[in-house]
Structures are given as C-alpha cells and as structure tokens.
Amino acid sequence: MLYYKMLNNELLKFAVIAIPTFRRYQSVRTKTLETLRRTKINPCRIFLFVANEFEKGIYEHELIEHKHLYNDIIVGVKGIRNQRIFISKYFKEGQYIISCDDDIEDFYIKKGEEKYIMSDMNQFFDYSFKQLEKNNAYLWGVYPVSNTFWMKENDMTKDLRYAIGVCHGYINRHLDCLYSNPLSEGKEDYETSILFYKHDGIILRFNNISFKTKFNAVGGLGKYRFEMNKKNSEYLCNAYPDIVSPKTRKNGMCEVRLKTIPYTPIIFNPDVIPLKKKNKKPCDNPKCEEDNCCK
C-alpha cells in the first residue's frame, strides 16, 4: 500500500492500471500481465481487483512466483459493474485510471493499411490523458475490434462513441450520475459511455488503436450470455431510446448500437506522440513570459 499512499500525494503524475479479474488465475498472468510487461509498463502501476478474500488467496497462490508483474491484489466486490464502481471509489478523485480486462494478449496500432503490435504503451497512455486534459474530457476509449478495414489511421473522435470496457481510461470522479445501473451488468461499458457523454458532452476514442482478446471466454462474465445480453439490451433500449437501438448477431445474441453522430476527426501522428518534458530550472528573468525566453 506504500505506492498507493504515494499516488494519493502526487495524483496527476501517474496513471494506475486497474485489472478487474474473476476466476482467471492463469490467463491474467499469461495474457494481460505479460502484455503489460512486454509493452514496458511499470508493474508498480498495476493493481488487480478480485471479488473476495477467497479469490484473493487463489490469485496469490497462482501468482506467487510472479509478484514482480504487479503492485497489489485488492479485494473488491463481485460483478463487473460493481467492481468498476469499487475501483473508482478506491482511488481518489483526480486519479488517472486505465482499466484493462484480464485477458488482453496484444495492443495494435493501424498504420497505412496494416495493423502492428505495439511495443511500448507508455507513450500512448501518456498521450491519451494529455488529450483528455486538452479537450476538457474525462473518458477515452479505443476501437472495439482489431479489424483494419474499420479502424482509422491517425483518427481521434470526440462525439458519442462506444468506449469498450476491455481497455479504456478516465480521470476519476466520485459522481453517482456516472455509475451504471445494475440492469446494464453485461453491457455496463455501453451505459458508462452514454453517461460520460451526457455529463461532459465529449468522449475521446482513438480509432487507430485496438487490442487482441477472446470475448466470452471462461471466467469473467462467463461463456453463456444470451439471456444476460437480452436483458441488458432491453434495459439500454428502454432507458435511452433516442441513443440506443437493438441489433441481433447471426447466432441470435442480442446486441445494441449507439446512435451515429457526425464528427470532426482530430489528426495526430503516432510517431511523434509527445513525451513528458523534464522539469526546467526556474527562470531568473522576471519578464520571462513577455520576452518568451523559455519558449
């Protein structure tokens, strides 16, 4: 907990990575933790959130030889919707939080007509929060599927877009109006996207960034989600009829889509993502701003 106390005193210097995980004792290590290690993320920033003390004991046993991959295992609550709220309340307001699912195998960036595996996520994570601050926004997301046909190179949108729960980041606020309804459990990330947009009028989504994962795998929300998806979809369509509409997969599973709104893309070059500048010594010139001597 020493690192967490340090974060409380220096909130805006670090983005913590919160991994909600349930019954994926091996895959969280071989997938998300390994992916974060491979992409040069400092393990001191990584916190695992589990459902209860029993689950924590199993995770500690399974990860006993891999403690170097993360900072701490925190006992939260069961259910992904409840766990995300717990994570928000666990950290102080103003904290930069990146939420990653426990089964991410790779991160991708689209360049030209191809996608490439990202080798260093620090630059992207730093850049994403700089853009939140710059645009007075509080939530960012990535493209929800790693399909190069639909991904867009150098594209960041600011309108209402789905910020998928697999990987997203936000500036923490303890506002009940931003917490999803229990009826959205299996699709709480859809409702979270809507709530942030309604409150802030903006969501940033990086449509050139995506990930590799296996949806509906064992553990987590489970493999058999037909009934859950149906209830969640019905709730969202009824709660937000002007924004959400139903759709059905080929296998019969209920899904939803958000209303499409025209947008103006903001172009950025992923090769020159700005890094944090080193602090300069205070300038001795009392008319520094006027003379522009430090610019």
C-alpha atoms as a PDB file:
ATOM      1  CA  MET A   1       0.000   0.000   0.000  1.00  0.00           C
ATOM      2  CA  LEU A   2       3.054   2.299   0.166  1.00  0.00           C
ATOM      3  CA  TYR A   3       2.806   3.027  -3.550  1.00  0.00           C
ATOM      4  CA  TYR A   4      -0.883   3.857  -3.243  1.00  0.00           C
ATOM      5  CA  LYS A   5      -0.122   6.417  -0.498  1.00  0.00           C
ATOM      6  CA  MET A   6       2.451   7.959  -2.785  1.00  0.00           C
ATOM      7  CA  LEU A   7      -0.147   8.207  -5.540  1.00  0.00           C
ATOM      8  CA  ASN A   8      -2.545   9.995  -3.241  1.00  0.00           C
ATOM      9  CA  ASN A   9       0.076  12.687  -2.641  1.00  0.00           C
ATOM     10  CA  GLU A  10       1.080  13.009  -6.306  1.00  0.00           C
ATOM     11  CA  LEU A  11      -2.192  12.254  -8.096  1.00  0.00           C
ATOM     12  CA  LEU A  12      -1.524  13.572 -11.573  1.00  0.00           C
ATOM     13  CA  LYS A  13       1.985  12.178 -12.030  1.00  0.00           C
ATOM     14  CA  PHE A  14       0.914   8.584 -12.600  1.00  0.00           C
ATOM     15  CA  ALA A  15      -1.851   6.645 -14.317  1.00  0.00           C
ATOM     16  CA  VAL A  16      -2.655   3.475 -12.412  1.00  0.00           C
ATOM     17  CA  ILE A  17      -3.762   0.352 -14.259  1.00  0.00           C
ATOM     18  CA  ALA A  18      -6.710  -1.439 -12.671  1.00  0.00           C
ATOM     19  CA  ILE A  19      -7.415  -5.022 -13.756  1.00  0.00           C
ATOM     20  CA  PRO A  20     -10.773  -6.418 -12.594  1.00  0.00           C
ATOM     21  CA  THR A  21     -10.398 -10.201 -12.679  1.00  0.00           C
ATOM     22  CA  PHE A  22     -12.575 -13.169 -11.770  1.00  0.00           C
ATOM     23  CA  ARG A  23     -11.576 -16.847 -11.932  1.00  0.00           C
ATOM     24  CA  ARG A  24      -8.849 -16.259 -14.491  1.00  0.00           C
ATOM     25  CA  TYR A  25      -5.944 -17.140 -12.286  1.00  0.00           C
ATOM     26  CA  GLN A  26      -3.652 -18.244 -15.108  1.00  0.00           C
ATOM     27  CA  SER A  27      -4.760 -16.107 -18.052  1.00  0.00           C
ATOM     28  CA  VAL A  28      -4.359 -12.834 -16.164  1.00  0.00           C
ATOM     29  CA  ARG A  29      -0.663 -13.716 -15.867  1.00  0.00           C
ATOM     30  CA  THR A  30      -0.076 -15.189 -19.315  1.00  0.00           C
ATOM     31  CA  LYS A  31      -2.137 -12.546 -21.094  1.00  0.00           C
ATOM     32  CA  THR A  32      -2.724  -9.088 -19.582  1.00  0.00           C
ATOM     33  CA  LEU A  33       0.174  -9.003 -17.100  1.00  0.00           C
ATOM     34  CA  GLU A  34       2.559 -10.415 -19.686  1.00  0.00           C
ATOM     35  CA  THR A  35       1.280  -7.980 -22.323  1.00  0.00           C
ATOM     36  CA  LEU A  36       1.798  -5.025 -19.983  1.00  0.00           C
ATOM     37  CA  ARG A  37       5.291  -6.261 -19.117  1.00  0.00           C
ATOM     38  CA  ARG A  38       6.152  -6.687 -22.782  1.00  0.00           C
ATOM     39  CA  THR A  39       4.896  -3.170 -23.572  1.00  0.00           C
ATOM     40  CA  LYS A  40       7.166  -1.674 -20.886  1.00  0.00           C
ATOM     41  CA  ILE A  41       4.538  -0.742 -18.275  1.00  0.00           C
ATOM     42  CA  ASN A  42       5.986  -0.308 -14.773  1.00  0.00           C
ATOM     43  CA  PRO A  43       4.424  -3.070 -12.584  1.00  0.00           C
ATOM     44  CA  CYS A  44       4.220  -0.614  -9.680  1.00  0.00           C
ATOM     45  CA  ARG A  45       1.300   0.958 -11.515  1.00  0.00           C
ATOM     46  CA  ILE A  46      -0.685  -2.285 -11.795  1.00  0.00           C
ATOM     47  CA  PHE A  47      -3.423  -3.326  -9.355  1.00  0.00           C
ATOM     48  CA  LEU A  48      -5.550  -6.483  -9.574  1.00  0.00           C
ATOM     49  CA  PHE A  49      -9.098  -6.253  -8.201  1.00  0.00           C
ATOM     50  CA  VAL A  50     -10.723  -9.550  -7.173  1.00  0.00           C
ATOM     51  CA  ALA A  51     -14.188 -10.489  -5.902  1.00  0.00           C
ATOM     52  CA  ASN A  52     -13.465 -11.641  -2.327  1.00  0.00           C
ATOM     53  CA  GLU A  53     -10.838 -12.933   0.122  1.00  0.00           C
ATOM     54  CA  PHE A  54     -11.175 -16.499  -1.156  1.00  0.00           C
ATOM     55  CA  GLU A  55     -10.439 -15.380  -4.717  1.00  0.00           C
ATOM     56  CA  LYS A  56      -7.517 -13.292  -3.476  1.00  0.00           C
ATOM     57  CA  GLY A  57      -5.997 -16.362  -1.820  1.00  0.00           C
ATOM     58  CA  ILE A  58      -6.159 -18.325  -5.063  1.00  0.00           C
ATOM     59  CA  TYR A  59      -4.672 -15.488  -7.093  1.00  0.00           C
ATOM     60  CA  GLU A  60      -1.835 -15.032  -4.590  1.00  0.00           C
ATOM     61  CA  HIS A  61      -1.074 -18.756  -4.738  1.00  0.00           C
ATOM     62  CA  GLU A  62      -1.169 -18.898  -8.550  1.00  0.00           C
ATOM     63  CA  LEU A  63       0.933 -15.739  -8.887  1.00  0.00           C
ATOM     64  CA  ILE A  64       3.369 -16.480  -6.068  1.00  0.00           C
ATOM     65  CA  GLU A  65       6.315 -16.636  -8.484  1.00  0.00           C
ATOM     66  CA  HIS A  66       5.140 -13.633 -10.472  1.00  0.00           C
ATOM     67  CA  LYS A  67       4.757 -10.893  -7.877  1.00  0.00           C
ATOM     68  CA  HIS A  68       7.149  -8.787  -9.919  1.00  0.00           C
ATOM     69  CA  LEU A  69       4.412  -8.333 -12.535  1.00  0.00           C
ATOM     70  CA  TYR A  70       2.048  -6.232 -10.393  1.00  0.00           C
ATOM     71  CA  ASN A  71       1.838  -3.997  -7.333  1.00  0.00           C
ATOM     72  CA  ASP A  72      -1.014  -5.414  -5.251  1.00  0.00           C
ATOM     73  CA  ILE A  73      -4.156  -7.551  -5.225  1.00  0.00           C
ATOM     74  CA  ILE A  74      -7.157  -5.654  -3.856  1.00  0.00           C
ATOM     75  CA  VAL A  75     -10.331  -7.307  -2.553  1.00  0.00           C
ATOM     76  CA  GLY A  76     -13.248  -5.582  -4.196  1.00  0.00           C
ATOM     77  CA  VAL A  77     -16.702  -6.930  -4.999  1.00  0.00           C
ATOM     78  CA  LYS A  78     -18.287  -9.441  -7.365  1.00  0.00           C
ATOM     79  CA  GLY A  79     -19.737  -8.403 -10.710  1.00  0.00           C
ATOM     80  CA  ILE A  80     -18.036  -6.244 -13.317  1.00  0.00           C
ATOM     81  CA  ARG A  81     -20.408  -3.297 -12.885  1.00  0.00           C
ATOM     82  CA  ASN A  82     -19.972  -3.277  -9.109  1.00  0.00           C
ATOM     83  CA  GLN A  83     -16.228  -3.811  -9.412  1.00  0.00           C
ATOM     84  CA  ARG A  84     -15.771  -0.835 -11.721  1.00  0.00           C
ATOM     85  CA  ILE A  85     -17.602   1.374  -9.228  1.00  0.00           C
ATOM     86  CA  PHE A  86     -15.484  -0.050  -6.403  1.00  0.00           C
ATOM     87  CA  ILE A  87     -12.304   0.741  -8.353  1.00  0.00           C
ATOM     88  CA  SER A  88     -13.429   4.321  -8.886  1.00  0.00           C
ATOM     89  CA  LYS A  89     -14.177   4.793  -5.187  1.00  0.00           C
ATOM     90  CA  TYR A  90     -10.966   3.035  -4.141  1.00  0.00           C
ATOM     91  CA  PHE A  91      -8.825   5.732  -5.776  1.00  0.00           C
ATOM     92  CA  LYS A  92      -9.082   9.433  -5.039  1.00  0.00           C
ATOM     93  CA  GLU A  93     -10.776  11.904  -7.334  1.00  0.00           C
ATOM     94  CA  GLY A  94      -8.444  13.249  -9.990  1.00  0.00           C
ATOM     95  CA  GLN A  95      -6.528   9.982 -10.301  1.00  0.00           C
ATOM     96  CA  TYR A  96      -5.774   8.860 -13.856  1.00  0.00           C
ATOM     97  CA  ILE A  97      -7.096   5.300 -14.175  1.00  0.00           C
ATOM     98  CA  ILE A  98      -6.597   2.848 -17.036  1.00  0.00           C
ATOM     99  CA  SER A  99      -8.892  -0.163 -16.891  1.00  0.00           C
ATOM    100  CA  CYS A 100      -7.712  -3.332 -18.634  1.00  0.00           C
ATOM    101  CA  ASP A 101      -9.510  -6.663 -18.865  1.00  0.00           C
ATOM    102  CA  ASP A 102      -7.656  -9.715 -17.590  1.00  0.00           C
ATOM    103  CA  ASP A 103      -7.244 -11.442 -20.965  1.00  0.00           C
ATOM    104  CA  ILE A 104      -5.583  -8.924 -23.286  1.00  0.00           C
ATOM    105  CA  GLU A 105      -2.981 -10.599 -25.492  1.00  0.00           C
ATOM    106  CA  ASP A 106      -1.740  -7.643 -27.567  1.00  0.00           C
ATOM    107  CA  PHE A 107      -2.308  -3.971 -28.406  1.00  0.00           C
ATOM    108  CA  TYR A 108      -2.456  -2.883 -32.053  1.00  0.00           C
ATOM    109  CA  ILE A 109      -1.972   0.365 -33.944  1.00  0.00           C
ATOM    110  CA  LYS A 110      -3.088   0.901 -37.534  1.00  0.00           C
ATOM    111  CA  LYS A 111      -0.603   2.443 -39.945  1.00  0.00           C
ATOM    112  CA  GLY A 112      -1.447   2.563 -43.618  1.00  0.00           C
ATOM    113  CA  GLU A 113      -3.496  -0.492 -44.464  1.00  0.00           C
ATOM    114  CA  GLU A 114      -1.891  -2.710 -41.826  1.00  0.00           C
ATOM    115  CA  LYS A 115      -2.000  -3.070 -38.057  1.00  0.00           C
ATOM    116  CA  TYR A 116       1.118  -3.540 -35.968  1.00  0.00           C
ATOM    117  CA  ILE A 117       1.710  -4.857 -32.460  1.00  0.00           C
ATOM    118  CA  MET A 118       2.575  -2.014 -30.093  1.00  0.00           C
ATOM    119  CA  SER A 119       5.797  -2.487 -28.167  1.00  0.00           C
ATOM    120  CA  ASP A 120       5.550   0.452 -25.738  1.00  0.00           C
ATOM    121  CA  MET A 121       2.179   1.540 -24.309  1.00  0.00           C
ATOM    122  CA  ASN A 122       3.620   4.298 -22.127  1.00  0.00           C
ATOM    123  CA  GLN A 123       3.614   6.873 -24.907  1.00  0.00           C
ATOM    124  CA  PHE A 124       0.034   6.134 -25.878  1.00  0.00           C
ATOM    125  CA  PHE A 125      -1.232   6.155 -22.287  1.00  0.00           C
ATOM    126  CA  ASP A 126       0.583   9.443 -21.595  1.00  0.00           C
ATOM    127  CA  TYR A 127      -0.777  10.955 -24.792  1.00  0.00           C
ATOM    128  CA  SER A 128      -4.348   9.816 -24.114  1.00  0.00           C
ATOM    129  CA  PHE A 129      -4.525  11.627 -20.774  1.00  0.00           C
ATOM    130  CA  LYS A 130      -2.855  14.743 -22.199  1.00  0.00           C
ATOM    131  CA  GLN A 131      -5.660  14.782 -24.766  1.00  0.00           C
ATOM    132  CA  LEU A 132      -8.307  14.420 -22.051  1.00  0.00           C
ATOM    133  CA  GLU A 133      -6.875  17.458 -20.281  1.00  0.00           C
ATOM    134  CA  LYS A 134      -6.516  19.420 -23.504  1.00  0.00           C
ATOM    135  CA  ASN A 135     -10.110  18.741 -24.587  1.00  0.00           C
ATOM    136  CA  ASN A 136     -11.723  19.048 -21.149  1.00  0.00           C
ATOM    137  CA  ALA A 137     -12.792  15.410 -21.419  1.00  0.00           C
ATOM    138  CA  TYR A 138     -12.792  12.631 -18.819  1.00  0.00           C
ATOM    139  CA  LEU A 139     -13.095   9.323 -20.711  1.00  0.00           C
ATOM    140  CA  TRP A 140     -11.104   7.811 -23.560  1.00  0.00           C
ATOM    141  CA  GLY A 141     -11.532   4.531 -25.391  1.00  0.00           C
ATOM    142  CA  VAL A 142     -10.036   2.536 -28.258  1.00  0.00           C
ATOM    143  CA  TYR A 143     -11.534   0.859 -31.306  1.00  0.00           C
ATOM    144  CA  PRO A 144     -13.639  -2.108 -30.115  1.00  0.00           C
ATOM    145  CA  VAL A 145     -12.411  -4.620 -32.730  1.00  0.00           C
ATOM    146  CA  SER A 146      -8.990  -5.100 -34.309  1.00  0.00           C
ATOM    147  CA  ASN A 147     -10.271  -5.029 -37.879  1.00  0.00           C
ATOM    148  CA  THR A 148      -8.082  -2.877 -40.116  1.00  0.00           C
ATOM    149  CA  PHE A 149     -10.959  -2.330 -42.542  1.00  0.00           C
ATOM    150  CA  TRP A 150     -12.894  -0.379 -39.898  1.00  0.00           C
ATOM    151  CA  MET A 151     -10.022   1.078 -37.855  1.00  0.00           C
ATOM    152  CA  LYS A 152      -8.907   4.533 -38.990  1.00  0.00           C
ATOM    153  CA  GLU A 153      -5.309   5.671 -39.106  1.00  0.00           C
ATOM    154  CA  ASN A 154      -4.445   8.772 -37.034  1.00  0.00           C
ATOM    155  CA  ASP A 155      -8.064   9.264 -36.006  1.00  0.00           C
ATOM    156  CA  MET A 156      -9.377  10.538 -32.660  1.00  0.00           C
ATOM    157  CA  THR A 157     -13.082  11.312 -32.369  1.00  0.00           C
ATOM    158  CA  LYS A 158     -14.838  13.452 -29.779  1.00  0.00           C
ATOM    159  CA  ASP A 159     -18.520  12.590 -30.179  1.00  0.00           C
ATOM    160  CA  LEU A 160     -20.573   9.793 -28.607  1.00  0.00           C
ATOM    161  CA  ARG A 161     -18.731   6.551 -29.313  1.00  0.00           C
ATOM    162  CA  TYR A 162     -18.658   3.209 -27.540  1.00  0.00           C
ATOM    163  CA  ALA A 163     -15.681   3.132 -25.144  1.00  0.00           C
ATOM    164  CA  ILE A 164     -15.297  -0.617 -24.741  1.00  0.00           C
ATOM    165  CA  GLY A 165     -14.513  -1.852 -21.246  1.00  0.00           C
ATOM    166  CA  VAL A 166     -11.614  -4.049 -22.391  1.00  0.00           C
ATOM    167  CA  CYS A 167      -9.268  -1.054 -22.363  1.00  0.00           C
ATOM    168  CA  HIS A 168     -10.246   2.496 -21.511  1.00  0.00           C
ATOM    169  CA  GLY A 169      -9.007   5.343 -19.367  1.00  0.00           C
ATOM    170  CA  TYR A 170     -10.611   8.084 -17.317  1.00  0.00           C
ATOM    171  CA  ILE A 171      -9.938  10.890 -14.876  1.00  0.00           C
ATOM    172  CA  ASN A 172     -11.581   9.697 -11.688  1.00  0.00           C
ATOM    173  CA  ARG A 173     -14.637  11.432 -10.234  1.00  0.00           C
ATOM    174  CA  HIS A 174     -16.886  10.159  -7.444  1.00  0.00           C
ATOM    175  CA  LEU A 175     -20.165  11.055  -9.125  1.00  0.00           C
ATOM    176  CA  ASP A 176     -23.146   8.728  -8.799  1.00  0.00           C
ATOM    177  CA  CYS A 177     -24.508  10.005 -12.115  1.00  0.00           C
ATOM    178  CA  LEU A 178     -21.515   8.387 -13.879  1.00  0.00           C
ATOM    179  CA  TYR A 179     -22.077   4.932 -12.375  1.00  0.00           C
ATOM    180  CA  SER A 180     -24.045   2.463 -14.474  1.00  0.00           C
ATOM    181  CA  ASN A 181     -27.307   0.797 -13.453  1.00  0.00           C
ATOM    182  CA  PRO A 182     -27.249  -2.839 -12.183  1.00  0.00           C
ATOM    183  CA  LEU A 183     -29.525  -3.752 -15.114  1.00  0.00           C
ATOM    184  CA  SER A 184     -26.687  -2.964 -17.520  1.00  0.00           C
ATOM    185  CA  GLU A 185     -24.307  -5.535 -15.940  1.00  0.00           C
ATOM    186  CA  GLY A 186     -23.203  -7.294 -19.137  1.00  0.00           C
ATOM    187  CA  LYS A 187     -23.137  -4.041 -21.096  1.00  0.00           C
ATOM    188  CA  GLU A 188     -22.148  -1.571 -18.416  1.00  0.00           C
ATOM    189  CA  ASP A 189     -19.472  -0.124 -20.704  1.00  0.00           C
ATOM    190  CA  TYR A 190     -22.192   0.999 -23.136  1.00  0.00           C
ATOM    191  CA  GLU A 191     -24.053   2.792 -20.371  1.00  0.00           C
ATOM    192  CA  THR A 192     -20.837   4.266 -18.971  1.00  0.00           C
ATOM    193  CA  SER A 193     -20.081   5.709 -22.415  1.00  0.00           C
ATOM    194  CA  ILE A 194     -23.546   7.254 -22.545  1.00  0.00           C
ATOM    195  CA  LEU A 195     -23.367   8.665 -19.011  1.00  0.00           C
ATOM    196  CA  PHE A 196     -19.969  10.285 -19.550  1.00  0.00           C
ATOM    197  CA  TYR A 197     -21.116  11.781 -22.842  1.00  0.00           C
ATOM    198  CA  LYS A 198     -24.325  13.118 -21.335  1.00  0.00           C
ATOM    199  CA  HIS A 199     -22.399  14.655 -18.454  1.00  0.00           C
ATOM    200  CA  ASP A 200     -19.338  16.004 -20.313  1.00  0.00           C
ATOM    201  CA  GLY A 201     -20.528  16.336 -23.908  1.00  0.00           C
ATOM    202  CA  ILE A 202     -17.389  14.577 -25.133  1.00  0.00           C
ATOM    203  CA  ILE A 203     -15.655  11.186 -25.251  1.00  0.00           C
ATOM    204  CA  LEU A 204     -12.295  10.675 -26.900  1.00  0.00           C
ATOM    205  CA  ARG A 205     -11.842   7.487 -28.903  1.00  0.00           C
ATOM    206  CA  PHE A 206      -8.629   6.504 -30.628  1.00  0.00           C
ATOM    207  CA  ASN A 207      -9.827   4.642 -33.702  1.00  0.00           C
ATOM    208  CA  ASN A 208      -6.342   3.570 -34.761  1.00  0.00           C
ATOM    209  CA  ILE A 209      -5.698   1.667 -31.516  1.00  0.00           C
ATOM    210  CA  SER A 210      -7.164  -1.738 -30.677  1.00  0.00           C
ATOM    211  CA  PHE A 211      -6.336  -4.996 -28.893  1.00  0.00           C
ATOM    212  CA  LYS A 212      -6.399  -8.774 -29.102  1.00  0.00           C
ATOM    213  CA  THR A 213      -8.645 -10.714 -26.722  1.00  0.00           C
ATOM    214  CA  LYS A 214     -11.100 -13.602 -26.696  1.00  0.00           C
ATOM    215  CA  PHE A 215     -14.620 -12.433 -25.991  1.00  0.00           C
ATOM    216  CA  ASN A 216     -16.932 -14.513 -23.775  1.00  0.00           C
ATOM    217  CA  ALA A 217     -14.133 -16.763 -22.507  1.00  0.00           C
ATOM    218  CA  VAL A 218     -14.380 -18.925 -19.382  1.00  0.00           C
ATOM    219  CA  GLY A 219     -14.328 -16.815 -16.213  1.00  0.00           C
ATOM    220  CA  GLY A 220     -15.308 -13.157 -16.147  1.00  0.00           C
ATOM    221  CA  LEU A 221     -18.959 -12.818 -17.163  1.00  0.00           C
ATOM    222  CA  GLY A 222     -18.978 -16.383 -18.473  1.00  0.00           C
ATOM    223  CA  LYS A 223     -19.402 -18.066 -21.842  1.00  0.00           C
ATOM    224  CA  TYR A 224     -23.206 -18.318 -21.955  1.00  0.00           C
ATOM    225  CA  ARG A 225     -24.534 -14.795 -22.104  1.00  0.00           C
ATOM    226  CA  PHE A 226     -27.649 -14.984 -24.316  1.00  0.00           C
ATOM    227  CA  GLU A 227     -30.144 -14.284 -21.531  1.00  0.00           C
ATOM    228  CA  MET A 228     -27.926 -11.665 -19.880  1.00  0.00           C
ATOM    229  CA  ASN A 229     -27.387  -9.849 -23.176  1.00  0.00           C
ATOM    230  CA  LYS A 230     -31.112  -9.869 -23.868  1.00  0.00           C
ATOM    231  CA  LYS A 231     -31.956  -8.264 -20.507  1.00  0.00           C
ATOM    232  CA  ASN A 232     -29.104  -5.759 -20.744  1.00  0.00           C
ATOM    233  CA  SER A 233     -30.035  -4.782 -24.305  1.00  0.00           C
ATOM    234  CA  GLU A 234     -33.704  -4.329 -23.412  1.00  0.00           C
ATOM    235  CA  TYR A 235     -32.767  -2.127 -20.463  1.00  0.00           C
ATOM    236  CA  LEU A 236     -30.487   0.122 -22.542  1.00  0.00           C
ATOM    237  CA  CYS A 237     -33.014   0.477 -25.374  1.00  0.00           C
ATOM    238  CA  ASN A 238     -35.770   1.414 -22.917  1.00  0.00           C
ATOM    239  CA  ALA A 239     -33.589   3.749 -20.840  1.00  0.00           C
ATOM    240  CA  TYR A 240     -32.051   5.584 -23.816  1.00  0.00           C
ATOM    241  CA  PRO A 241     -34.462   5.196 -26.774  1.00  0.00           C
ATOM    242  CA  ASP A 242     -33.028   8.290 -28.503  1.00  0.00           C
ATOM    243  CA  ILE A 243     -29.476   6.934 -28.353  1.00  0.00           C
ATOM    244  CA  VAL A 244     -29.599   3.114 -28.303  1.00  0.00           C
ATOM    245  CA  SER A 245     -31.158   0.746 -30.827  1.00  0.00           C
ATOM    246  CA  PRO A 246     -31.244  -3.080 -30.798  1.00  0.00           C
ATOM    247  CA  LYS A 247     -29.453  -5.402 -33.166  1.00  0.00           C
ATOM    248  CA  THR A 248     -29.003  -9.168 -33.355  1.00  0.00           C
ATOM    249  CA  ARG A 249     -25.902 -11.212 -34.175  1.00  0.00           C
ATOM    250  CA  LYS A 250     -26.009 -14.062 -36.668  1.00  0.00           C
ATOM    251  CA  ASN A 251     -26.049 -16.515 -33.754  1.00  0.00           C
ATOM    252  CA  GLY A 252     -29.154 -14.865 -32.316  1.00  0.00           C
ATOM    253  CA  MET A 253     -27.465 -12.998 -29.458  1.00  0.00           C
ATOM    254  CA  CYS A 254     -28.956  -9.599 -28.655  1.00  0.00           C
ATOM    255  CA  GLU A 255     -26.696  -6.573 -29.011  1.00  0.00           C
ATOM    256  CA  VAL A 256     -27.100  -2.798 -29.191  1.00  0.00           C
ATOM    257  CA  ARG A 257     -25.715   0.057 -31.245  1.00  0.00           C
ATOM    258  CA  LEU A 258     -25.307   3.695 -30.309  1.00  0.00           C
ATOM    259  CA  LYS A 259     -26.739   6.471 -32.432  1.00  0.00           C
ATOM    260  CA  THR A 260     -24.295   7.647 -35.075  1.00  0.00           C
ATOM    261  CA  ILE A 261     -23.452  11.339 -34.811  1.00  0.00           C
ATOM    262  CA  PRO A 262     -21.348  13.248 -37.375  1.00  0.00           C
ATOM    263  CA  TYR A 263     -17.919  14.097 -36.076  1.00  0.00           C
ATOM    264  CA  THR A 264     -14.781  16.038 -36.960  1.00  0.00           C
ATOM    265  CA  PRO A 265     -11.657  13.904 -36.569  1.00  0.00           C
ATOM    266  CA  ILE A 266      -8.556  15.311 -34.888  1.00  0.00           C
ATOM    267  CA  ILE A 267      -5.377  14.201 -36.621  1.00  0.00           C
ATOM    268  CA  PHE A 268      -2.288  13.188 -34.707  1.00  0.00           C
ATOM    269  CA  ASN A 269       0.903  11.438 -35.704  1.00  0.00           C
ATOM    270  CA  PRO A 270       1.542   8.319 -33.576  1.00  0.00           C
ATOM    271  CA  ASP A 271       5.250   8.525 -34.396  1.00  0.00           C
ATOM    272  CA  VAL A 272       5.642  11.828 -32.603  1.00  0.00           C
ATOM    273  CA  ILE A 273       3.411  11.319 -29.568  1.00  0.00           C
ATOM    274  CA  PRO A 274       4.704  13.902 -27.077  1.00  0.00           C
ATOM    275  CA  LEU A 275       6.508  12.620 -24.025  1.00  0.00           C
ATOM    276  CA  LYS A 276       6.556  14.265 -20.617  1.00  0.00           C
ATOM    277  CA  LYS A 277       9.093  17.081 -20.562  1.00  0.00           C
ATOM    278  CA  LYS A 278      11.719  17.234 -17.857  1.00  0.00           C
ATOM    279  CA  ASN A 279      11.171  20.000 -15.341  1.00  0.00           C
ATOM    280  CA  LYS A 280      13.339  23.029 -16.163  1.00  0.00           C
ATOM    281  CA  LYS A 281      15.059  25.136 -13.546  1.00  0.00           C
ATOM    282  CA  PRO A 282      13.066  28.257 -12.614  1.00  0.00           C
ATOM    283  CA  CYS A 283      13.875  31.143 -14.921  1.00  0.00           C
ATOM    284  CA  ASP A 284      15.629  34.160 -13.377  1.00  0.00           C
ATOM    285  CA  ASN A 285      14.108  36.609 -15.848  1.00  0.00           C
ATOM    286  CA  PRO A 286      11.167  38.426 -14.151  1.00  0.00           C
ATOM    287  CA  LYS A 287       9.757  39.207 -17.615  1.00  0.00           C
ATOM    288  CA  CYS A 288      10.026  35.633 -18.834  1.00  0.00           C
ATOM    289  CA  GLU A 289       6.541  35.474 -20.332  1.00  0.00           C
ATOM    290  CA  GLU A 290       6.895  38.835 -22.013  1.00  0.00           C
ATOM    291  CA  ASP A 291      10.311  38.051 -23.510  1.00  0.00           C
ATOM    292  CA  ASN A 292       9.453  34.435 -24.354  1.00  0.00           C
ATOM    293  CA  CYS A 293      12.948  33.471 -23.257  1.00  0.00           C
ATOM    294  CA  CYS A 294      11.966  29.972 -22.141  1.00  0.00           C
ATOM    295  CA  LYS A 295       9.940  29.039 -25.175  1.00  0.00           C
END
